[in-house]
Amino acid sequence: MKQQKQLDKIKLLKQRYISVFSGKDGAKILEDLEKMCFVNQSTLYLEQPHVMIYREGQRSVLVHIKNMMNFDIKRISELIKLREEDDAT
């Protein structure tokens, strides 16, 4: 039951991410963030380690946004059910 409650929270959060970033304006913002946050570029092997760390931090935030929008709720639900069945036996 606790897992279902957590899953419901994740579903709602996913819906909110999609609501914010999937519209016309949100898609443009996401596109701009992709350019600014090094999503499609390597942030590794820079001569200045502090710059590398800063850029990787930017990148990780955008990766999180995209992961939340693409989170497979159905698959997680299936895994929870399988786990509950295993726990019951």
PDB file of N, CA and C in Angstrom:
ATOM      1  N   MET A   1       0.821  -1.205   0.000  1.00  0.00           N
ATOM      2  CA  MET A   1       0.000   0.000   0.000  1.00  0.00           C
ATOM      3  C   MET A   1       0.864   1.268   0.000  1.00  0.00           C
ATOM      4  N   LYS A   2       1.933   1.244   0.796  1.00  0.00           N
ATOM      5  CA  LYS A   2       2.834   2.388   0.845  1.00  0.00           C
ATOM      6  C   LYS A   2       3.480   2.622  -0.519  1.00  0.00           C
ATOM      7  N   GLN A   3       3.829   1.527  -1.194  1.00  0.00           N
ATOM      8  CA  GLN A   3       4.436   1.645  -2.520  1.00  0.00           C
ATOM      9  C   GLN A   3       3.459   2.263  -3.515  1.00  0.00           C
ATOM     10  N   GLN A   4       2.183   1.902  -3.410  1.00  0.00           N
ATOM     11  CA  GLN A   4       1.175   2.465  -4.312  1.00  0.00           C
ATOM     12  C   GLN A   4       1.028   3.962  -4.078  1.00  0.00           C
ATOM     13  N   LYS A   5       1.092   4.375  -2.828  1.00  0.00           N
ATOM     14  CA  LYS A   5       0.996   5.798  -2.510  1.00  0.00           C
ATOM     15  C   LYS A   5       2.180   6.566  -3.104  1.00  0.00           C
ATOM     16  N   GLN A   6       3.373   5.981  -3.000  1.00  0.00           N
ATOM     17  CA  GLN A   6       4.561   6.600  -3.591  1.00  0.00           C
ATOM     18  C   GLN A   6       4.438   6.663  -5.113  1.00  0.00           C
ATOM     19  N   LEU A   7       3.917   5.597  -5.695  1.00  0.00           N
ATOM     20  CA  LEU A   7       3.733   5.560  -7.141  1.00  0.00           C
ATOM     21  C   LEU A   7       2.737   6.628  -7.591  1.00  0.00           C
ATOM     22  N   ASP A   8       1.672   6.816  -6.819  1.00  0.00           N
ATOM     23  CA  ASP A   8       0.695   7.859  -7.137  1.00  0.00           C
ATOM     24  C   ASP A   8       1.333   9.240  -7.098  1.00  0.00           C
ATOM     25  N   LYS A   9       2.223   9.469  -6.135  1.00  0.00           N
ATOM     26  CA  LYS A   9       2.926  10.750  -6.063  1.00  0.00           C
ATOM     27  C   LYS A   9       3.808  10.956  -7.290  1.00  0.00           C
ATOM     28  N   ILE A  10       4.493   9.894  -7.704  1.00  0.00           N
ATOM     29  CA  ILE A  10       5.355   9.976  -8.888  1.00  0.00           C
ATOM     30  C   ILE A  10       4.524  10.238 -10.144  1.00  0.00           C
ATOM     31  N   LYS A  11       3.360   9.581 -10.251  1.00  0.00           N
ATOM     32  CA  LYS A  11       2.472   9.813 -11.404  1.00  0.00           C
ATOM     33  C   LYS A  11       2.079  11.286 -11.482  1.00  0.00           C
ATOM     34  N   LEU A  12       1.680  11.842 -10.338  1.00  0.00           N
ATOM     35  CA  LEU A  12       1.268  13.241 -10.306  1.00  0.00           C
ATOM     36  C   LEU A  12       2.432  14.158 -10.667  1.00  0.00           C
ATOM     37  N   LEU A  13       3.599  13.869 -10.136  1.00  0.00           N
ATOM     38  CA  LEU A  13       4.776  14.672 -10.441  1.00  0.00           C
ATOM     39  C   LEU A  13       5.120  14.597 -11.923  1.00  0.00           C
ATOM     40  N   LYS A  14       5.049  13.400 -12.484  1.00  0.00           N
ATOM     41  CA  LYS A  14       5.300  13.231 -13.920  1.00  0.00           C
ATOM     42  C   LYS A  14       4.313  14.067 -14.731  1.00  0.00           C
ATOM     43  N   GLN A  15       3.041  14.036 -14.355  1.00  0.00           N
ATOM     44  CA  GLN A  15       2.030  14.822 -15.062  1.00  0.00           C
ATOM     45  C   GLN A  15       2.355  16.310 -15.004  1.00  0.00           C
ATOM     46  N   ARG A  16       2.864  16.744 -13.869  1.00  0.00           N
ATOM     47  CA  ARG A  16       3.211  18.161 -13.718  1.00  0.00           C
ATOM     48  C   ARG A  16       4.411  18.534 -14.597  1.00  0.00           C
ATOM     49  N   TYR A  17       5.413  17.686 -14.639  1.00  0.00           N
ATOM     50  CA  TYR A  17       6.559  17.939 -15.523  1.00  0.00           C
ATOM     51  C   TYR A  17       6.090  18.026 -16.978  1.00  0.00           C
ATOM     52  N   ILE A  18       5.259  17.097 -17.374  1.00  0.00           N
ATOM     53  CA  ILE A  18       4.751  17.093 -18.754  1.00  0.00           C
ATOM     54  C   ILE A  18       3.925  18.338 -19.017  1.00  0.00           C
ATOM     55  N   SER A  19       3.097  18.726 -18.070  1.00  0.00           N
ATOM     56  CA  SER A  19       2.269  19.911 -18.221  1.00  0.00           C
ATOM     57  C   SER A  19       3.124  21.159 -18.443  1.00  0.00           C
ATOM     58  N   VAL A  20       4.204  21.259 -17.703  1.00  0.00           N
ATOM     59  CA  VAL A  20       5.060  22.441 -17.795  1.00  0.00           C
ATOM     60  C   VAL A  20       5.893  22.443 -19.074  1.00  0.00           C
ATOM     61  N   PHE A  21       6.448  21.293 -19.454  1.00  0.00           N
ATOM     62  CA  PHE A  21       7.453  21.278 -20.515  1.00  0.00           C
ATOM     63  C   PHE A  21       6.983  20.750 -21.870  1.00  0.00           C
ATOM     64  N   SER A  22       5.771  20.246 -21.986  1.00  0.00           N
ATOM     65  CA  SER A  22       5.376  19.666 -23.268  1.00  0.00           C
ATOM     66  C   SER A  22       4.613  20.626 -24.170  1.00  0.00           C
ATOM     67  N   GLY A  23       4.135  21.716 -23.641  1.00  0.00           N
ATOM     68  CA  GLY A  23       3.458  22.698 -24.478  1.00  0.00           C
ATOM     69  C   GLY A  23       4.445  23.424 -25.377  1.00  0.00           C
ATOM     70  N   LYS A  24       3.939  24.291 -26.212  1.00  0.00           N
ATOM     71  CA  LYS A  24       4.778  25.024 -27.166  1.00  0.00           C
ATOM     72  C   LYS A  24       5.867  25.822 -26.458  1.00  0.00           C
ATOM     73  N   ASP A  25       5.479  26.602 -25.452  1.00  0.00           N
ATOM     74  CA  ASP A  25       6.455  27.414 -24.723  1.00  0.00           C
ATOM     75  C   ASP A  25       7.411  26.533 -23.922  1.00  0.00           C
ATOM     76  N   GLY A  26       6.876  25.533 -23.258  1.00  0.00           N
ATOM     77  CA  GLY A  26       7.711  24.637 -22.460  1.00  0.00           C
ATOM     78  C   GLY A  26       8.732  23.900 -23.304  1.00  0.00           C
ATOM     79  N   ALA A  27       8.326  23.480 -24.496  1.00  0.00           N
ATOM     80  CA  ALA A  27       9.246  22.786 -25.404  1.00  0.00           C
ATOM     81  C   ALA A  27      10.388  23.708 -25.830  1.00  0.00           C
ATOM     82  N   LYS A  28      10.083  24.982 -26.041  1.00  0.00           N
ATOM     83  CA  LYS A  28      11.127  25.950 -26.409  1.00  0.00           C
ATOM     84  C   LYS A  28      12.090  26.181 -25.245  1.00  0.00           C
ATOM     85  N   ILE A  29      11.545  26.238 -24.035  1.00  0.00           N
ATOM     86  CA  ILE A  29      12.392  26.402 -22.856  1.00  0.00           C
ATOM     87  C   ILE A  29      13.290  25.182 -22.687  1.00  0.00           C
ATOM     88  N   LEU A  30      12.713  24.004 -22.848  1.00  0.00           N
ATOM     89  CA  LEU A  30      13.485  22.769 -22.732  1.00  0.00           C
ATOM     90  C   LEU A  30      14.596  22.720 -23.777  1.00  0.00           C
ATOM     91  N   GLU A  31      14.284  23.149 -24.983  1.00  0.00           N
ATOM     92  CA  GLU A  31      15.282  23.197 -26.061  1.00  0.00           C
ATOM     93  C   GLU A  31      16.424  24.145 -25.699  1.00  0.00           C
ATOM     94  N   ASP A  32      16.079  25.300 -25.146  1.00  0.00           N
ATOM     95  CA  ASP A  32      17.101  26.259 -24.732  1.00  0.00           C
ATOM     96  C   ASP A  32      17.948  25.687 -23.599  1.00  0.00           C
ATOM     97  N   LEU A  33      17.315  25.029 -22.641  1.00  0.00           N
ATOM     98  CA  LEU A  33      18.050  24.417 -21.532  1.00  0.00           C
ATOM     99  C   LEU A  33      18.984  23.314 -22.021  1.00  0.00           C
ATOM    100  N   GLU A  34      18.552  22.570 -23.020  1.00  0.00           N
ATOM    101  CA  GLU A  34      19.415  21.515 -23.580  1.00  0.00           C
ATOM    102  C   GLU A  34      20.713  22.112 -24.119  1.00  0.00           C
ATOM    103  N   LYS A  35      20.612  23.248 -24.778  1.00  0.00           N
ATOM    104  CA  LYS A  35      21.806  23.903 -25.316  1.00  0.00           C
ATOM    105  C   LYS A  35      22.680  24.452 -24.189  1.00  0.00           C
ATOM    106  N   MET A  36      22.048  25.077 -23.225  1.00  0.00           N
ATOM    107  CA  MET A  36      22.769  25.727 -22.143  1.00  0.00           C
ATOM    108  C   MET A  36      23.380  24.735 -21.148  1.00  0.00           C
ATOM    109  N   CYS A  37      22.747  23.579 -20.997  1.00  0.00           N
ATOM    110  CA  CYS A  37      23.136  22.648 -19.934  1.00  0.00           C
ATOM    111  C   CYS A  37      23.911  21.436 -20.427  1.00  0.00           C
ATOM    112  N   PHE A  38      24.441  21.491 -21.615  1.00  0.00           N
ATOM    113  CA  PHE A  38      25.365  20.471 -22.112  1.00  0.00           C
ATOM    114  C   PHE A  38      24.758  19.071 -22.157  1.00  0.00           C
ATOM    115  N   VAL A  39      23.477  18.961 -22.486  1.00  0.00           N
ATOM    116  CA  VAL A  39      22.818  17.652 -22.511  1.00  0.00           C
ATOM    117  C   VAL A  39      23.405  16.745 -23.567  1.00  0.00           C
ATOM    118  N   ASN A  40      23.709  17.278 -24.730  1.00  0.00           N
ATOM    119  CA  ASN A  40      24.218  16.460 -25.826  1.00  0.00           C
ATOM    120  C   ASN A  40      25.721  16.612 -26.031  1.00  0.00           C
ATOM    121  N   GLN A  41      26.394  17.077 -24.982  1.00  0.00           N
ATOM    122  CA  GLN A  41      27.839  17.268 -25.059  1.00  0.00           C
ATOM    123  C   GLN A  41      28.480  16.646 -23.825  1.00  0.00           C
ATOM    124  N   SER A  42      29.717  16.302 -23.958  1.00  0.00           N
ATOM    125  CA  SER A  42      30.455  15.785 -22.808  1.00  0.00           C
ATOM    126  C   SER A  42      30.874  16.952 -21.923  1.00  0.00           C
ATOM    127  N   THR A  43      30.772  16.753 -20.639  1.00  0.00           N
ATOM    128  CA  THR A  43      31.253  17.764 -19.702  1.00  0.00           C
ATOM    129  C   THR A  43      32.566  17.315 -19.066  1.00  0.00           C
ATOM    130  N   LEU A  44      33.061  16.195 -19.504  1.00  0.00           N
ATOM    131  CA  LEU A  44      34.260  15.626 -18.900  1.00  0.00           C
ATOM    132  C   LEU A  44      35.537  16.106 -19.589  1.00  0.00           C
ATOM    133  N   TYR A  45      36.607  15.939 -18.913  1.00  0.00           N
ATOM    134  CA  TYR A  45      37.954  16.183 -19.437  1.00  0.00           C
ATOM    135  C   TYR A  45      38.220  17.642 -19.793  1.00  0.00           C
ATOM    136  N   LEU A  46      37.709  18.528 -18.992  1.00  0.00           N
ATOM    137  CA  LEU A  46      38.063  19.939 -19.152  1.00  0.00           C
ATOM    138  C   LEU A  46      39.306  20.212 -18.318  1.00  0.00           C
ATOM    139  N   GLU A  47      40.074  21.186 -18.736  1.00  0.00           N
ATOM    140  CA  GLU A  47      41.301  21.498 -18.004  1.00  0.00           C
ATOM    141  C   GLU A  47      41.007  22.097 -16.633  1.00  0.00           C
ATOM    142  N   GLN A  48      39.853  22.698 -16.480  1.00  0.00           N
ATOM    143  CA  GLN A  48      39.490  23.315 -15.200  1.00  0.00           C
ATOM    144  C   GLN A  48      38.420  22.445 -14.522  1.00  0.00           C
ATOM    145  N   PRO A  49      38.801  21.679 -13.504  1.00  0.00           N
ATOM    146  CA  PRO A  49      37.862  20.750 -12.867  1.00  0.00           C
ATOM    147  C   PRO A  49      36.616  21.423 -12.308  1.00  0.00           C
ATOM    148  N   HIS A  50      36.741  22.629 -11.767  1.00  0.00           N
ATOM    149  CA  HIS A  50      35.569  23.298 -11.198  1.00  0.00           C
ATOM    150  C   HIS A  50      34.541  23.644 -12.280  1.00  0.00           C
ATOM    151  N   VAL A  51      35.000  23.945 -13.480  1.00  0.00           N
ATOM    152  CA  VAL A  51      34.082  24.208 -14.596  1.00  0.00           C
ATOM    153  C   VAL A  51      33.378  22.922 -14.997  1.00  0.00           C
ATOM    154  N   MET A  52      34.116  21.827 -15.032  1.00  0.00           N
ATOM    155  CA  MET A  52      33.542  20.526 -15.366  1.00  0.00           C
ATOM    156  C   MET A  52      32.451  20.149 -14.361  1.00  0.00           C
ATOM    157  N   ILE A  53      32.726  20.336 -13.083  1.00  0.00           N
ATOM    158  CA  ILE A  53      31.760  19.995 -12.042  1.00  0.00           C
ATOM    159  C   ILE A  53      30.517  20.866 -12.164  1.00  0.00           C
ATOM    160  N   TYR A  54      30.692  22.140 -12.412  1.00  0.00           N
ATOM    161  CA  TYR A  54      29.570  23.063 -12.572  1.00  0.00           C
ATOM    162  C   TYR A  54      28.696  22.659 -13.758  1.00  0.00           C
ATOM    163  N   ARG A  55      29.321  22.380 -14.880  1.00  0.00           N
ATOM    164  CA  ARG A  55      28.569  21.991 -16.080  1.00  0.00           C
ATOM    165  C   ARG A  55      27.850  20.657 -15.884  1.00  0.00           C
ATOM    166  N   GLU A  56      28.477  19.722 -15.204  1.00  0.00           N
ATOM    167  CA  GLU A  56      27.832  18.434 -14.954  1.00  0.00           C
ATOM    168  C   GLU A  56      26.625  18.608 -14.033  1.00  0.00           C
ATOM    169  N   GLY A  57      26.715  19.545 -13.100  1.00  0.00           N
ATOM    170  CA  GLY A  57      25.566  19.860 -12.248  1.00  0.00           C
ATOM    171  C   GLY A  57      24.402  20.401 -13.066  1.00  0.00           C
ATOM    172  N   GLN A  58      24.684  21.300 -13.988  1.00  0.00           N
ATOM    173  CA  GLN A  58      23.641  21.829 -14.879  1.00  0.00           C
ATOM    174  C   GLN A  58      23.011  20.691 -15.680  1.00  0.00           C
ATOM    175  N   ARG A  59      23.863  19.872 -16.232  1.00  0.00           N
ATOM    176  CA  ARG A  59      23.416  18.766 -17.076  1.00  0.00           C
ATOM    177  C   ARG A  59      22.532  17.800 -16.295  1.00  0.00           C
ATOM    178  N   SER A  60      22.903  17.504 -15.059  1.00  0.00           N
ATOM    179  CA  SER A  60      22.136  16.531 -14.280  1.00  0.00           C
ATOM    180  C   SER A  60      20.723  17.020 -13.981  1.00  0.00           C
ATOM    181  N   VAL A  61      20.547  18.322 -13.812  1.00  0.00           N
ATOM    182  CA  VAL A  61      19.202  18.863 -13.576  1.00  0.00           C
ATOM    183  C   VAL A  61      18.326  18.647 -14.811  1.00  0.00           C
ATOM    184  N   LEU A  62      18.853  18.939 -15.976  1.00  0.00           N
ATOM    185  CA  LEU A  62      18.072  18.769 -17.196  1.00  0.00           C
ATOM    186  C   LEU A  62      17.802  17.294 -17.481  1.00  0.00           C
ATOM    187  N   VAL A  63      18.773  16.442 -17.218  1.00  0.00           N
ATOM    188  CA  VAL A  63      18.561  15.000 -17.394  1.00  0.00           C
ATOM    189  C   VAL A  63      17.434  14.534 -16.470  1.00  0.00           C
ATOM    190  N   HIS A  64      17.385  15.064 -15.260  1.00  0.00           N
ATOM    191  CA  HIS A  64      16.311  14.707 -14.328  1.00  0.00           C
ATOM    192  C   HIS A  64      14.945  15.125 -14.880  1.00  0.00           C
ATOM    193  N   ILE A  65      14.851  16.318 -15.400  1.00  0.00           N
ATOM    194  CA  ILE A  65      13.585  16.798 -15.984  1.00  0.00           C
ATOM    195  C   ILE A  65      13.134  15.847 -17.092  1.00  0.00           C
ATOM    196  N   LYS A  66      14.041  15.524 -17.989  1.00  0.00           N
ATOM    197  CA  LYS A  66      13.687  14.644 -19.112  1.00  0.00           C
ATOM    198  C   LYS A  66      13.340  13.236 -18.628  1.00  0.00           C
ATOM    199  N   ASN A  67      14.065  12.731 -17.632  1.00  0.00           N
ATOM    200  CA  ASN A  67      13.747  11.414 -17.084  1.00  0.00           C
ATOM    201  C   ASN A  67      12.362  11.392 -16.445  1.00  0.00           C
ATOM    202  N   MET A  68      12.013  12.451 -15.749  1.00  0.00           N
ATOM    203  CA  MET A  68      10.685  12.507 -15.127  1.00  0.00           C
ATOM    204  C   MET A  68       9.588  12.502 -16.192  1.00  0.00           C
ATOM    205  N   MET A  69       9.820  13.184 -17.288  1.00  0.00           N
ATOM    206  CA  MET A  69       8.813  13.231 -18.349  1.00  0.00           C
ATOM    207  C   MET A  69       8.663  11.883 -19.047  1.00  0.00           C
ATOM    208  N   ASN A  70       9.737  11.101 -19.061  1.00  0.00           N
ATOM    209  CA  ASN A  70       9.720   9.816 -19.764  1.00  0.00           C
ATOM    210  C   ASN A  70       9.597   8.618 -18.828  1.00  0.00           C
ATOM    211  N   PHE A  71       9.396   8.867 -17.555  1.00  0.00           N
ATOM    212  CA  PHE A  71       9.324   7.806 -16.550  1.00  0.00           C
ATOM    213  C   PHE A  71       8.223   6.809 -16.908  1.00  0.00           C
ATOM    214  N   ASP A  72       8.556   5.534 -16.908  1.00  0.00           N
ATOM    215  CA  ASP A  72       7.621   4.473 -17.302  1.00  0.00           C
ATOM    216  C   ASP A  72       6.823   3.995 -16.090  1.00  0.00           C
ATOM    217  N   ILE A  73       5.724   4.662 -15.811  1.00  0.00           N
ATOM    218  CA  ILE A  73       4.875   4.348 -14.656  1.00  0.00           C
ATOM    219  C   ILE A  73       4.317   2.934 -14.764  1.00  0.00           C
ATOM    220  N   LYS A  74       3.903   2.556 -15.956  1.00  0.00           N
ATOM    221  CA  LYS A  74       3.310   1.233 -16.141  1.00  0.00           C
ATOM    222  C   LYS A  74       4.297   0.131 -15.764  1.00  0.00           C
ATOM    223  N   ARG A  75       5.529   0.284 -16.196  1.00  0.00           N
ATOM    224  CA  ARG A  75       6.549  -0.740 -15.894  1.00  0.00           C
ATOM    225  C   ARG A  75       6.826  -0.813 -14.393  1.00  0.00           C
ATOM    226  N   ILE A  76       6.890   0.325 -13.746  1.00  0.00           N
ATOM    227  CA  ILE A  76       7.115   0.347 -12.298  1.00  0.00           C
ATOM    228  C   ILE A  76       5.939  -0.310 -11.584  1.00  0.00           C
ATOM    229  N   SER A  77       4.714  -0.051 -12.037  1.00  0.00           N
ATOM    230  CA  SER A  77       3.528  -0.685 -11.445  1.00  0.00           C
ATOM    231  C   SER A  77       3.613  -2.202 -11.562  1.00  0.00           C
ATOM    232  N   GLU A  78       4.035  -2.683 -12.712  1.00  0.00           N
ATOM    233  CA  GLU A  78       4.181  -4.127 -12.922  1.00  0.00           C
ATOM    234  C   GLU A  78       5.217  -4.713 -11.978  1.00  0.00           C
ATOM    235  N   LEU A  79       6.329  -4.018 -11.805  1.00  0.00           N
ATOM    236  CA  LEU A  79       7.371  -4.501 -10.912  1.00  0.00           C
ATOM    237  C   LEU A  79       6.906  -4.524  -9.457  1.00  0.00           C
ATOM    238  N   ILE A  80       6.135  -3.526  -9.066  1.00  0.00           N
ATOM    239  CA  ILE A  80       5.593  -3.495  -7.705  1.00  0.00           C
ATOM    240  C   ILE A  80       4.660  -4.676  -7.481  1.00  0.00           C
ATOM    241  N   LYS A  81       3.794  -4.950  -8.451  1.00  0.00           N
ATOM    242  CA  LYS A  81       2.873  -6.088  -8.331  1.00  0.00           C
ATOM    243  C   LYS A  81       3.633  -7.406  -8.219  1.00  0.00           C
ATOM    244  N   LEU A  82       4.671  -7.562  -9.031  1.00  0.00           N
ATOM    245  CA  LEU A  82       5.479  -8.778  -8.963  1.00  0.00           C
ATOM    246  C   LEU A  82       6.140  -8.933  -7.600  1.00  0.00           C
ATOM    247  N   ARG A  83       6.631  -7.841  -7.091  1.00  0.00           N
ATOM    248  CA  ARG A  83       7.272  -7.882  -5.779  1.00  0.00           C
ATOM    249  C   ARG A  83       6.272  -8.221  -4.684  1.00  0.00           C
ATOM    250  N   GLU A  84       5.088  -7.648  -4.753  1.00  0.00           N
ATOM    251  CA  GLU A  84       4.048  -7.951  -3.764  1.00  0.00           C
ATOM    252  C   GLU A  84       3.637  -9.416  -3.844  1.00  0.00           C
ATOM    253  N   GLU A  85       3.556  -9.958  -5.057  1.00  0.00           N
ATOM    254  CA  GLU A  85       3.225 -11.377  -5.213  1.00  0.00           C
ATOM    255  C   GLU A  85       4.304 -12.260  -4.611  1.00  0.00           C
ATOM    256  N   ASP A  86       5.560 -11.901  -4.833  1.00  0.00           N
ATOM    257  CA  ASP A  86       6.676 -12.646  -4.258  1.00  0.00           C
ATOM    258  C   ASP A  86       6.657 -12.585  -2.734  1.00  0.00           C
ATOM    259  N   ASP A  87       6.352 -11.403  -2.201  1.00  0.00           N
ATOM    260  CA  ASP A  87       6.311 -11.242  -0.745  1.00  0.00           C
ATOM    261  C   ASP A  87       5.172 -12.043  -0.119  1.00  0.00           C
ATOM    262  N   ALA A  88       4.085 -12.226  -0.885  1.00  0.00           N
ATOM    263  CA  ALA A  88       2.927 -12.961  -0.379  1.00  0.00           C
ATOM    264  C   ALA A  88       3.158 -14.467  -0.335  1.00  0.00           C
ATOM    265  N   THR A  89       4.108 -14.944  -1.139  1.00  0.00           N
ATOM    266  CA  THR A  89       4.359 -16.397  -1.175  1.00  0.00           C
ATOM    267  C   THR A  89       5.434 -16.818  -0.211  1.00  0.00           C
TER     268      THR A  89
END
